[in-house]
Amino acid sequence: SYSNTNYTVAALLIEAVTGRSYGDEVHRRILRPLGMRD
């Protein structure tokens, strides 16, 4: 069953494991290395 709750929990899981905000971790791992500046 498609549920937005799953991915909100997944983003919080990222924060719990890394100690950084989910946005910062996305930027560090995906956006910056791939040059996704926009």
PDB file of all heavy atoms in Angstrom:
ATOM      1  N   SER A   1       0.853  -1.183   0.000  1.00  0.00           N
ATOM      2  CA  SER A   1       0.000   0.000   0.000  1.00  0.00           C
ATOM      3  C   SER A   1       0.891   1.236   0.000  1.00  0.00           C
ATOM      4  O   SER A   1       1.688   1.446   0.923  1.00  0.00           O
ATOM      5  CB  SER A   1      -0.926   0.021   1.213  1.00  0.00           C
ATOM      6  OG  SER A   1      -1.763   1.164   1.183  1.00  0.00           O
ATOM      7  N   TYR A   2       0.757   2.036  -1.051  1.00  0.00           N
ATOM      8  CA  TYR A   2       1.586   3.232  -1.212  1.00  0.00           C
ATOM      9  C   TYR A   2       1.272   4.212  -0.082  1.00  0.00           C
ATOM     10  O   TYR A   2       0.138   4.646   0.082  1.00  0.00           O
ATOM     11  CB  TYR A   2       1.291   3.862  -2.566  1.00  0.00           C
ATOM     12  CG  TYR A   2       2.250   4.935  -2.985  1.00  0.00           C
ATOM     13  CD1 TYR A   2       3.351   4.640  -3.782  1.00  0.00           C
ATOM     14  CD2 TYR A   2       2.058   6.263  -2.607  1.00  0.00           C
ATOM     15  CE1 TYR A   2       4.230   5.621  -4.191  1.00  0.00           C
ATOM     16  CE2 TYR A   2       2.920   7.253  -3.007  1.00  0.00           C
ATOM     17  CZ  TYR A   2       4.007   6.931  -3.793  1.00  0.00           C
ATOM     18  OH  TYR A   2       4.881   7.919  -4.191  1.00  0.00           O
ATOM     19  N   SER A   3       2.281   4.566   0.699  1.00  0.00           N
ATOM     20  CA  SER A   3       2.079   5.412   1.872  1.00  0.00           C
ATOM     21  C   SER A   3       3.217   6.410   2.018  1.00  0.00           C
ATOM     22  O   SER A   3       4.389   6.026   2.121  1.00  0.00           O
ATOM     23  CB  SER A   3       1.986   4.550   3.139  1.00  0.00           C
ATOM     24  OG  SER A   3       1.972   5.345   4.300  1.00  0.00           O
ATOM     25  N   ASN A   4       2.871   7.692   2.042  1.00  0.00           N
ATOM     26  CA  ASN A   4       3.883   8.725   2.247  1.00  0.00           C
ATOM     27  C   ASN A   4       4.587   8.573   3.586  1.00  0.00           C
ATOM     28  O   ASN A   4       5.745   8.979   3.735  1.00  0.00           O
ATOM     29  CB  ASN A   4       3.244  10.107   2.137  1.00  0.00           C
ATOM     30  CG  ASN A   4       2.875  10.458   0.713  1.00  0.00           C
ATOM     31  OD1 ASN A   4       3.655  10.274  -0.213  1.00  0.00           O
ATOM     32  ND2 ASN A   4       1.665  10.951   0.513  1.00  0.00           N
ATOM     33  N   THR A   5       3.896   7.982   4.555  1.00  0.00           N
ATOM     34  CA  THR A   5       4.482   7.796   5.879  1.00  0.00           C
ATOM     35  C   THR A   5       5.776   6.996   5.802  1.00  0.00           C
ATOM     36  O   THR A   5       6.735   7.280   6.533  1.00  0.00           O
ATOM     37  CB  THR A   5       3.478   7.071   6.802  1.00  0.00           C
ATOM     38  OG1 THR A   5       2.233   7.764   6.772  1.00  0.00           O
ATOM     39  CG2 THR A   5       4.000   7.017   8.224  1.00  0.00           C
ATOM     40  N   ASN A   6       5.821   6.007   4.912  1.00  0.00           N
ATOM     41  CA  ASN A   6       7.026   5.185   4.792  1.00  0.00           C
ATOM     42  C   ASN A   6       8.259   6.029   4.514  1.00  0.00           C
ATOM     43  O   ASN A   6       9.341   5.783   5.079  1.00  0.00           O
ATOM     44  CB  ASN A   6       6.841   4.154   3.673  1.00  0.00           C
ATOM     45  CG  ASN A   6       5.874   3.058   4.039  1.00  0.00           C
ATOM     46  OD1 ASN A   6       5.919   2.517   5.133  1.00  0.00           O
ATOM     47  ND2 ASN A   6       4.976   2.730   3.122  1.00  0.00           N
ATOM     48  N   TYR A   7       8.135   7.008   3.636  1.00  0.00           N
ATOM     49  CA  TYR A   7       9.310   7.783   3.238  1.00  0.00           C
ATOM     50  C   TYR A   7       9.622   8.921   4.195  1.00  0.00           C
ATOM     51  O   TYR A   7      10.772   9.352   4.285  1.00  0.00           O
ATOM     52  CB  TYR A   7       9.171   8.239   1.785  1.00  0.00           C
ATOM     53  CG  TYR A   7       9.639   7.133   0.865  1.00  0.00           C
ATOM     54  CD1 TYR A   7       8.826   6.038   0.599  1.00  0.00           C
ATOM     55  CD2 TYR A   7      10.920   7.143   0.339  1.00  0.00           C
ATOM     56  CE1 TYR A   7       9.273   4.988  -0.181  1.00  0.00           C
ATOM     57  CE2 TYR A   7      11.383   6.100  -0.449  1.00  0.00           C
ATOM     58  CZ  TYR A   7      10.556   5.021  -0.711  1.00  0.00           C
ATOM     59  OH  TYR A   7      11.009   3.977  -1.477  1.00  0.00           O
ATOM     60  N   THR A   8       8.625   9.389   4.937  1.00  0.00           N
ATOM     61  CA  THR A   8       8.932  10.316   6.024  1.00  0.00           C
ATOM     62  C   THR A   8       9.728   9.588   7.102  1.00  0.00           C
ATOM     63  O   THR A   8      10.717  10.114   7.618  1.00  0.00           O
ATOM     64  CB  THR A   8       7.633  10.908   6.606  1.00  0.00           C
ATOM     65  OG1 THR A   8       7.001  11.715   5.596  1.00  0.00           O
ATOM     66  CG2 THR A   8       7.921  11.777   7.823  1.00  0.00           C
ATOM     67  N   VAL A   9       9.329   8.365   7.433  1.00  0.00           N
ATOM     68  CA  VAL A   9      10.094   7.561   8.389  1.00  0.00           C
ATOM     69  C   VAL A   9      11.479   7.257   7.829  1.00  0.00           C
ATOM     70  O   VAL A   9      12.487   7.303   8.557  1.00  0.00           O
ATOM     71  CB  VAL A   9       9.345   6.260   8.738  1.00  0.00           C
ATOM     72  CG1 VAL A   9      10.210   5.370   9.635  1.00  0.00           C
ATOM     73  CG2 VAL A   9       8.024   6.569   9.440  1.00  0.00           C
ATOM     74  N   ALA A  10      11.582   6.981   6.529  1.00  0.00           N
ATOM     75  CA  ALA A  10      12.888   6.703   5.914  1.00  0.00           C
ATOM     76  C   ALA A  10      13.821   7.903   6.019  1.00  0.00           C
ATOM     77  O   ALA A  10      15.017   7.759   6.293  1.00  0.00           O
ATOM     78  CB  ALA A  10      12.707   6.286   4.455  1.00  0.00           C
ATOM     79  N   ALA A  11      13.277   9.116   5.811  1.00  0.00           N
ATOM     80  CA  ALA A  11      14.094  10.324   5.934  1.00  0.00           C
ATOM     81  C   ALA A  11      14.555  10.522   7.378  1.00  0.00           C
ATOM     82  O   ALA A  11      15.699  10.923   7.636  1.00  0.00           O
ATOM     83  CB  ALA A  11      13.304  11.534   5.451  1.00  0.00           C
ATOM     84  N   LEU A  12      13.669  10.237   8.337  1.00  0.00           N
ATOM     85  CA  LEU A  12      14.055  10.320   9.746  1.00  0.00           C
ATOM     86  C   LEU A  12      15.078   9.240  10.093  1.00  0.00           C
ATOM     87  O   LEU A  12      15.955   9.454  10.949  1.00  0.00           O
ATOM     88  CB  LEU A  12      12.822  10.186  10.632  1.00  0.00           C
ATOM     89  CG  LEU A  12      11.842  11.365  10.576  1.00  0.00           C
ATOM     90  CD1 LEU A  12      10.586  11.049  11.370  1.00  0.00           C
ATOM     91  CD2 LEU A  12      12.489  12.643  11.092  1.00  0.00           C
ATOM     92  N   LEU A  13      15.002   8.114   9.425  1.00  0.00           N
ATOM     93  CA  LEU A  13      15.986   7.047   9.616  1.00  0.00           C
ATOM     94  C   LEU A  13      17.366   7.532   9.162  1.00  0.00           C
ATOM     95  O   LEU A  13      18.382   7.274   9.833  1.00  0.00           O
ATOM     96  CB  LEU A  13      15.552   5.815   8.827  1.00  0.00           C
ATOM     97  CG  LEU A  13      16.277   4.494   9.049  1.00  0.00           C
ATOM     98  CD1 LEU A  13      16.185   4.058  10.501  1.00  0.00           C
ATOM     99  CD2 LEU A  13      15.691   3.424   8.124  1.00  0.00           C
ATOM    100  N   ILE A  14      17.413   8.238   8.045  1.00  0.00           N
ATOM    101  CA  ILE A  14      18.673   8.831   7.574  1.00  0.00           C
ATOM    102  C   ILE A  14      19.252   9.754   8.640  1.00  0.00           C
ATOM    103  O   ILE A  14      20.456   9.719   8.944  1.00  0.00           O
ATOM    104  CB  ILE A  14      18.443   9.596   6.262  1.00  0.00           C
ATOM    105  CG1 ILE A  14      18.105   8.634   5.128  1.00  0.00           C
ATOM    106  CG2 ILE A  14      19.672  10.450   5.903  1.00  0.00           C
ATOM    107  CD1 ILE A  14      17.631   9.322   3.856  1.00  0.00           C
ATOM    108  N   GLU A  15      18.395  10.580   9.221  1.00  0.00           N
ATOM    109  CA  GLU A  15      18.862  11.525  10.240  1.00  0.00           C
ATOM    110  C   GLU A  15      19.369  10.805  11.478  1.00  0.00           C
ATOM    111  O   GLU A  15      20.399  11.175  12.060  1.00  0.00           O
ATOM    112  CB  GLU A  15      17.732  12.489  10.599  1.00  0.00           C
ATOM    113  CG  GLU A  15      17.314  13.372   9.441  1.00  0.00           C
ATOM    114  CD  GLU A  15      16.337  14.460   9.814  1.00  0.00           C
ATOM    115  OE1 GLU A  15      15.722  14.373  10.900  1.00  0.00           O
ATOM    116  OE2 GLU A  15      16.186  15.413   9.028  1.00  0.00           O
ATOM    117  N   ALA A  16      18.657   9.750  11.891  1.00  0.00           N
ATOM    118  CA  ALA A  16      19.047   9.023  13.098  1.00  0.00           C
ATOM    119  C   ALA A  16      20.392   8.336  12.927  1.00  0.00           C
ATOM    120  O   ALA A  16      21.216   8.295  13.859  1.00  0.00           O
ATOM    121  CB  ALA A  16      17.973   7.994  13.444  1.00  0.00           C
ATOM    122  N   VAL A  17      20.652   7.799  11.739  1.00  0.00           N
ATOM    123  CA  VAL A  17      21.879   7.039  11.501  1.00  0.00           C
ATOM    124  C   VAL A  17      23.077   7.960  11.261  1.00  0.00           C
ATOM    125  O   VAL A  17      24.192   7.664  11.702  1.00  0.00           O
ATOM    126  CB  VAL A  17      21.677   6.082  10.305  1.00  0.00           C
ATOM    127  CG1 VAL A  17      22.997   5.439   9.889  1.00  0.00           C
ATOM    128  CG2 VAL A  17      20.664   5.006  10.664  1.00  0.00           C
ATOM    129  N   THR A  18      22.865   9.081  10.562  1.00  0.00           N
ATOM    130  CA  THR A  18      23.984   9.948  10.183  1.00  0.00           C
ATOM    131  C   THR A  18      24.236  11.089  11.151  1.00  0.00           C
ATOM    132  O   THR A  18      25.331  11.661  11.163  1.00  0.00           O
ATOM    133  CB  THR A  18      23.754  10.554   8.789  1.00  0.00           C
ATOM    134  OG1 THR A  18      22.617  11.441   8.834  1.00  0.00           O
ATOM    135  CG2 THR A  18      23.514   9.458   7.750  1.00  0.00           C
ATOM    136  N   GLY A  19      23.214  11.479  11.925  1.00  0.00           N
ATOM    137  CA  GLY A  19      23.358  12.630  12.799  1.00  0.00           C
ATOM    138  C   GLY A  19      23.254  13.947  12.065  1.00  0.00           C
ATOM    139  O   GLY A  19      23.507  15.010  12.645  1.00  0.00           O
ATOM    140  N   ARG A  20      22.880  13.910  10.789  1.00  0.00           N
ATOM    141  CA  ARG A  20      22.686  15.118   9.995  1.00  0.00           C
ATOM    142  C   ARG A  20      21.255  15.171   9.491  1.00  0.00           C
ATOM    143  O   ARG A  20      20.580  14.147   9.419  1.00  0.00           O
ATOM    144  CB  ARG A  20      23.658  15.163   8.808  1.00  0.00           C
ATOM    145  CG  ARG A  20      25.092  15.479   9.182  1.00  0.00           C
ATOM    146  CD  ARG A  20      25.978  15.490   7.950  1.00  0.00           C
ATOM    147  NE  ARG A  20      26.261  14.122   7.508  1.00  0.00           N
ATOM    148  CZ  ARG A  20      27.326  13.432   7.875  1.00  0.00           C
ATOM    149  NH1 ARG A  20      28.200  13.951   8.713  1.00  0.00           N
ATOM    150  NH2 ARG A  20      27.517  12.205   7.434  1.00  0.00           N
ATOM    151  N   SER A  21      20.804  16.359   9.087  1.00  0.00           N
ATOM    152  CA  SER A  21      19.464  16.472   8.531  1.00  0.00           C
ATOM    153  C   SER A  21      19.381  15.684   7.239  1.00  0.00           C
ATOM    154  O   SER A  21      20.389  15.509   6.536  1.00  0.00           O
ATOM    155  CB  SER A  21      19.102  17.931   8.272  1.00  0.00           C
ATOM    156  OG  SER A  21      19.785  18.425   7.134  1.00  0.00           O
ATOM    157  N   TYR A  22      18.200  15.212   6.933  1.00  0.00           N
ATOM    158  CA  TYR A  22      18.029  14.446   5.695  1.00  0.00           C
ATOM    159  C   TYR A  22      18.400  15.286   4.484  1.00  0.00           C
ATOM    160  O   TYR A  22      19.014  14.795   3.529  1.00  0.00           O
ATOM    161  CB  TYR A  22      16.602  13.889   5.642  1.00  0.00           C
ATOM    162  CG  TYR A  22      15.745  14.279   4.475  1.00  0.00           C
ATOM    163  CD1 TYR A  22      15.902  13.669   3.233  1.00  0.00           C
ATOM    164  CD2 TYR A  22      14.754  15.253   4.614  1.00  0.00           C
ATOM    165  CE1 TYR A  22      15.090  14.019   2.169  1.00  0.00           C
ATOM    166  CE2 TYR A  22      13.940  15.592   3.559  1.00  0.00           C
ATOM    167  CZ  TYR A  22      14.115  14.991   2.333  1.00  0.00           C
ATOM    168  OH  TYR A  22      13.313  15.332   1.276  1.00  0.00           O
ATOM    169  N   GLY A  23      18.072  16.583   4.526  1.00  0.00           N
ATOM    170  CA  GLY A  23      18.428  17.462   3.408  1.00  0.00           C
ATOM    171  C   GLY A  23      19.926  17.596   3.241  1.00  0.00           C
ATOM    172  O   GLY A  23      20.447  17.563   2.119  1.00  0.00           O
ATOM    173  N   ASP A  24      20.656  17.754   4.343  1.00  0.00           N
ATOM    174  CA  ASP A  24      22.115  17.860   4.274  1.00  0.00           C
ATOM    175  C   ASP A  24      22.725  16.577   3.733  1.00  0.00           C
ATOM    176  O   ASP A  24      23.688  16.603   2.946  1.00  0.00           O
ATOM    177  CB  ASP A  24      22.687  18.151   5.661  1.00  0.00           C
ATOM    178  CG  ASP A  24      22.466  19.589   6.094  1.00  0.00           C
ATOM    179  OD1 ASP A  24      22.082  20.427   5.252  1.00  0.00           O
ATOM    180  OD2 ASP A  24      22.660  19.870   7.296  1.00  0.00           O
ATOM    181  N   GLU A  25      22.172  15.444   4.136  1.00  0.00           N
ATOM    182  CA  GLU A  25      22.729  14.164   3.687  1.00  0.00           C
ATOM    183  C   GLU A  25      22.436  13.929   2.205  1.00  0.00           C
ATOM    184  O   GLU A  25      23.278  13.408   1.469  1.00  0.00           O
ATOM    185  CB  GLU A  25      22.166  13.029   4.536  1.00  0.00           C
ATOM    186  CG  GLU A  25      22.989  11.765   4.524  1.00  0.00           C
ATOM    187  CD  GLU A  25      24.360  11.917   5.163  1.00  0.00           C
ATOM    188  OE1 GLU A  25      24.652  12.967   5.790  1.00  0.00           O
ATOM    189  OE2 GLU A  25      25.157  10.966   5.042  1.00  0.00           O
ATOM    190  N   VAL A  26      21.262  14.322   1.738  1.00  0.00           N
ATOM    191  CA  VAL A  26      20.954  14.242   0.311  1.00  0.00           C
ATOM    192  C   VAL A  26      21.912  15.128  -0.479  1.00  0.00           C
ATOM    193  O   VAL A  26      22.422  14.735  -1.541  1.00  0.00           O
ATOM    194  CB  VAL A  26      19.487  14.643   0.047  1.00  0.00           C
ATOM    195  CG1 VAL A  26      19.252  14.915  -1.438  1.00  0.00           C
ATOM    196  CG2 VAL A  26      18.533  13.556   0.530  1.00  0.00           C
ATOM    197  N   HIS A  27      22.167  16.310   0.032  1.00  0.00           N
ATOM    198  CA  HIS A  27      23.079  17.230  -0.658  1.00  0.00           C
ATOM    199  C   HIS A  27      24.493  16.653  -0.695  1.00  0.00           C
ATOM    200  O   HIS A  27      25.165  16.698  -1.736  1.00  0.00           O
ATOM    201  CB  HIS A  27      23.070  18.585   0.048  1.00  0.00           C
ATOM    202  CG  HIS A  27      23.759  19.664  -0.723  1.00  0.00           C
ATOM    203  ND1 HIS A  27      25.110  19.915  -0.617  1.00  0.00           N
ATOM    204  CD2 HIS A  27      23.285  20.550  -1.647  1.00  0.00           C
ATOM    205  CE1 HIS A  27      25.444  20.912  -1.425  1.00  0.00           C
ATOM    206  NE2 HIS A  27      24.364  21.306  -2.062  1.00  0.00           N
ATOM    207  N   ARG A  28      24.950  16.094   0.413  1.00  0.00           N
ATOM    208  CA  ARG A  28      26.317  15.583   0.506  1.00  0.00           C
ATOM    209  C   ARG A  28      26.537  14.353  -0.359  1.00  0.00           C
ATOM    210  O   ARG A  28      27.585  14.201  -0.998  1.00  0.00           O
ATOM    211  CB  ARG A  28      26.623  15.242   1.973  1.00  0.00           C
ATOM    212  CG  ARG A  28      28.064  14.855   2.257  1.00  0.00           C
ATOM    213  CD  ARG A  28      28.277  14.660   3.739  1.00  0.00           C
ATOM    214  NE  ARG A  28      27.724  13.397   4.213  1.00  0.00           N
ATOM    215  CZ  ARG A  28      28.411  12.253   4.212  1.00  0.00           C
ATOM    216  NH1 ARG A  28      29.652  12.208   3.748  1.00  0.00           N
ATOM    217  NH2 ARG A  28      27.854  11.147   4.680  1.00  0.00           N
ATOM    218  N   ARG A  29      25.516  13.483  -0.440  1.00  0.00           N
ATOM    219  CA  ARG A  29      25.684  12.202  -1.116  1.00  0.00           C
ATOM    220  C   ARG A  29      25.222  12.194  -2.574  1.00  0.00           C
ATOM    221  O   ARG A  29      25.730  11.406  -3.375  1.00  0.00           O
ATOM    222  CB  ARG A  29      24.919  11.115  -0.359  1.00  0.00           C
ATOM    223  CG  ARG A  29      25.488  10.752   0.982  1.00  0.00           C
ATOM    224  CD  ARG A  29      24.582   9.802   1.728  1.00  0.00           C
ATOM    225  NE  ARG A  29      25.174   9.329   2.972  1.00  0.00           N
ATOM    226  CZ  ARG A  29      25.908   8.220   3.078  1.00  0.00           C
ATOM    227  NH1 ARG A  29      26.107   7.465   2.013  1.00  0.00           N
ATOM    228  NH2 ARG A  29      26.420   7.856   4.236  1.00  0.00           N
ATOM    229  N   ILE A  30      24.244  13.037  -2.899  1.00  0.00           N
ATOM    230  CA  ILE A  30      23.641  12.981  -4.239  1.00  0.00           C
ATOM    231  C   ILE A  30      23.812  14.288  -5.003  1.00  0.00           C
ATOM    232  O   ILE A  30      24.400  14.314  -6.093  1.00  0.00           O
ATOM    233  CB  ILE A  30      22.131  12.643  -4.136  1.00  0.00           C
ATOM    234  CG1 ILE A  30      21.895  11.366  -3.319  1.00  0.00           C
ATOM    235  CG2 ILE A  30      21.541  12.516  -5.548  1.00  0.00           C
ATOM    236  CD1 ILE A  30      22.402  10.108  -3.940  1.00  0.00           C
ATOM    237  N   LEU A  31      23.310  15.367  -4.458  1.00  0.00           N
ATOM    238  CA  LEU A  31      23.242  16.617  -5.218  1.00  0.00           C
ATOM    239  C   LEU A  31      24.622  17.170  -5.550  1.00  0.00           C
ATOM    240  O   LEU A  31      24.890  17.526  -6.708  1.00  0.00           O
ATOM    241  CB  LEU A  31      22.423  17.663  -4.448  1.00  0.00           C
ATOM    242  CG  LEU A  31      21.023  17.236  -3.982  1.00  0.00           C
ATOM    243  CD1 LEU A  31      20.289  18.425  -3.377  1.00  0.00           C
ATOM    244  CD2 LEU A  31      20.225  16.625  -5.128  1.00  0.00           C
ATOM    245  N   ARG A  32      25.490  17.264  -4.564  1.00  0.00           N
ATOM    246  CA  ARG A  32      26.813  17.836  -4.813  1.00  0.00           C
ATOM    247  C   ARG A  32      27.660  16.957  -5.736  1.00  0.00           C
ATOM    248  O   ARG A  32      28.222  17.459  -6.727  1.00  0.00           O
ATOM    249  CB  ARG A  32      27.541  18.085  -3.495  1.00  0.00           C
ATOM    250  CG  ARG A  32      28.873  18.842  -3.679  1.00  0.00           C
ATOM    251  CD  ARG A  32      29.618  18.926  -2.361  1.00  0.00           C
ATOM    252  NE  ARG A  32      28.803  19.541  -1.329  1.00  0.00           N
ATOM    253  CZ  ARG A  32      29.019  19.370  -0.020  1.00  0.00           C
ATOM    254  NH1 ARG A  32      29.992  18.584   0.404  1.00  0.00           N
ATOM    255  NH2 ARG A  32      28.255  19.976   0.857  1.00  0.00           N
ATOM    256  N   PRO A  33      27.780  15.641  -5.482  1.00  0.00           N
ATOM    257  CA  PRO A  33      28.599  14.820  -6.385  1.00  0.00           C
ATOM    258  C   PRO A  33      28.106  14.801  -7.825  1.00  0.00           C
ATOM    259  O   PRO A  33      28.914  14.717  -8.758  1.00  0.00           O
ATOM    260  CB  PRO A  33      28.507  13.419  -5.758  1.00  0.00           C
ATOM    261  CG  PRO A  33      28.182  13.657  -4.332  1.00  0.00           C
ATOM    262  CD  PRO A  33      27.310  14.865  -4.313  1.00  0.00           C
ATOM    263  N   LEU A  34      26.801  14.887  -8.038  1.00  0.00           N
ATOM    264  CA  LEU A  34      26.256  14.821  -9.394  1.00  0.00           C
ATOM    265  C   LEU A  34      26.104  16.204 -10.034  1.00  0.00           C
ATOM    266  O   LEU A  34      25.684  16.303 -11.179  1.00  0.00           O
ATOM    267  CB  LEU A  34      24.889  14.123  -9.382  1.00  0.00           C
ATOM    268  CG  LEU A  34      24.885  12.653  -8.954  1.00  0.00           C
ATOM    269  CD1 LEU A  34      23.482  12.071  -9.081  1.00  0.00           C
ATOM    270  CD2 LEU A  34      25.881  11.830  -9.764  1.00  0.00           C
ATOM    271  N   GLY A  35      26.433  17.254  -9.305  1.00  0.00           N
ATOM    272  CA  GLY A  35      26.300  18.602  -9.859  1.00  0.00           C
ATOM    273  C   GLY A  35      24.848  19.023 -10.033  1.00  0.00           C
ATOM    274  O   GLY A  35      24.534  19.805 -10.937  1.00  0.00           O
ATOM    275  N   MET A  36      23.967  18.537  -9.169  1.00  0.00           N
ATOM    276  CA  MET A  36      22.544  18.895  -9.250  1.00  0.00           C
ATOM    277  C   MET A  36      22.322  20.216  -8.510  1.00  0.00           C
ATOM    278  O   MET A  36      21.710  20.291  -7.444  1.00  0.00           O
ATOM    279  CB  MET A  36      21.697  17.761  -8.667  1.00  0.00           C
ATOM    280  CG  MET A  36      21.794  16.458  -9.451  1.00  0.00           C
ATOM    281  SD  MET A  36      20.988  15.033  -8.636  1.00  0.00           S
ATOM    282  CE  MET A  36      19.259  15.540  -8.619  1.00  0.00           C
ATOM    283  N   ARG A  37      22.821  21.282  -9.104  1.00  0.00           N
ATOM    284  CA  ARG A  37      22.852  22.588  -8.439  1.00  0.00           C
ATOM    285  C   ARG A  37      21.491  23.252  -8.318  1.00  0.00           C
ATOM    286  O   ARG A  37      21.312  24.173  -7.531  1.00  0.00           O
ATOM    287  CB  ARG A  37      23.813  23.520  -9.194  1.00  0.00           C
ATOM    288  CG  ARG A  37      25.256  23.033  -9.209  1.00  0.00           C
ATOM    289  CD  ARG A  37      26.168  23.983  -9.954  1.00  0.00           C
ATOM    290  NE  ARG A  37      27.540  23.483  -9.993  1.00  0.00           N
ATOM    291  CZ  ARG A  37      28.004  22.655 -10.911  1.00  0.00           C
ATOM    292  NH1 ARG A  37      27.199  22.223 -11.873  1.00  0.00           N
ATOM    293  NH2 ARG A  37      29.259  22.246 -10.875  1.00  0.00           N
ATOM    294  N   ASP A  38      20.534  22.808  -9.118  1.00  0.00           N
ATOM    295  CA  ASP A  38      19.219  23.450  -9.102  1.00  0.00           C
ATOM    296  C   ASP A  38      18.177  22.647  -8.328  1.00  0.00           C
ATOM    297  O   ASP A  38      16.985  22.949  -8.398  1.00  0.00           O
ATOM    298  CB  ASP A  38      18.734  23.677 -10.541  1.00  0.00           C
ATOM    299  CG  ASP A  38      19.648  24.622 -11.298  1.00  0.00           C
ATOM    300  OD1 ASP A  38      20.119  25.597 -10.689  1.00  0.00           O
ATOM    301  OD2 ASP A  38      19.909  24.377 -12.498  1.00  0.00           O
TER     302      ASP A  38
END
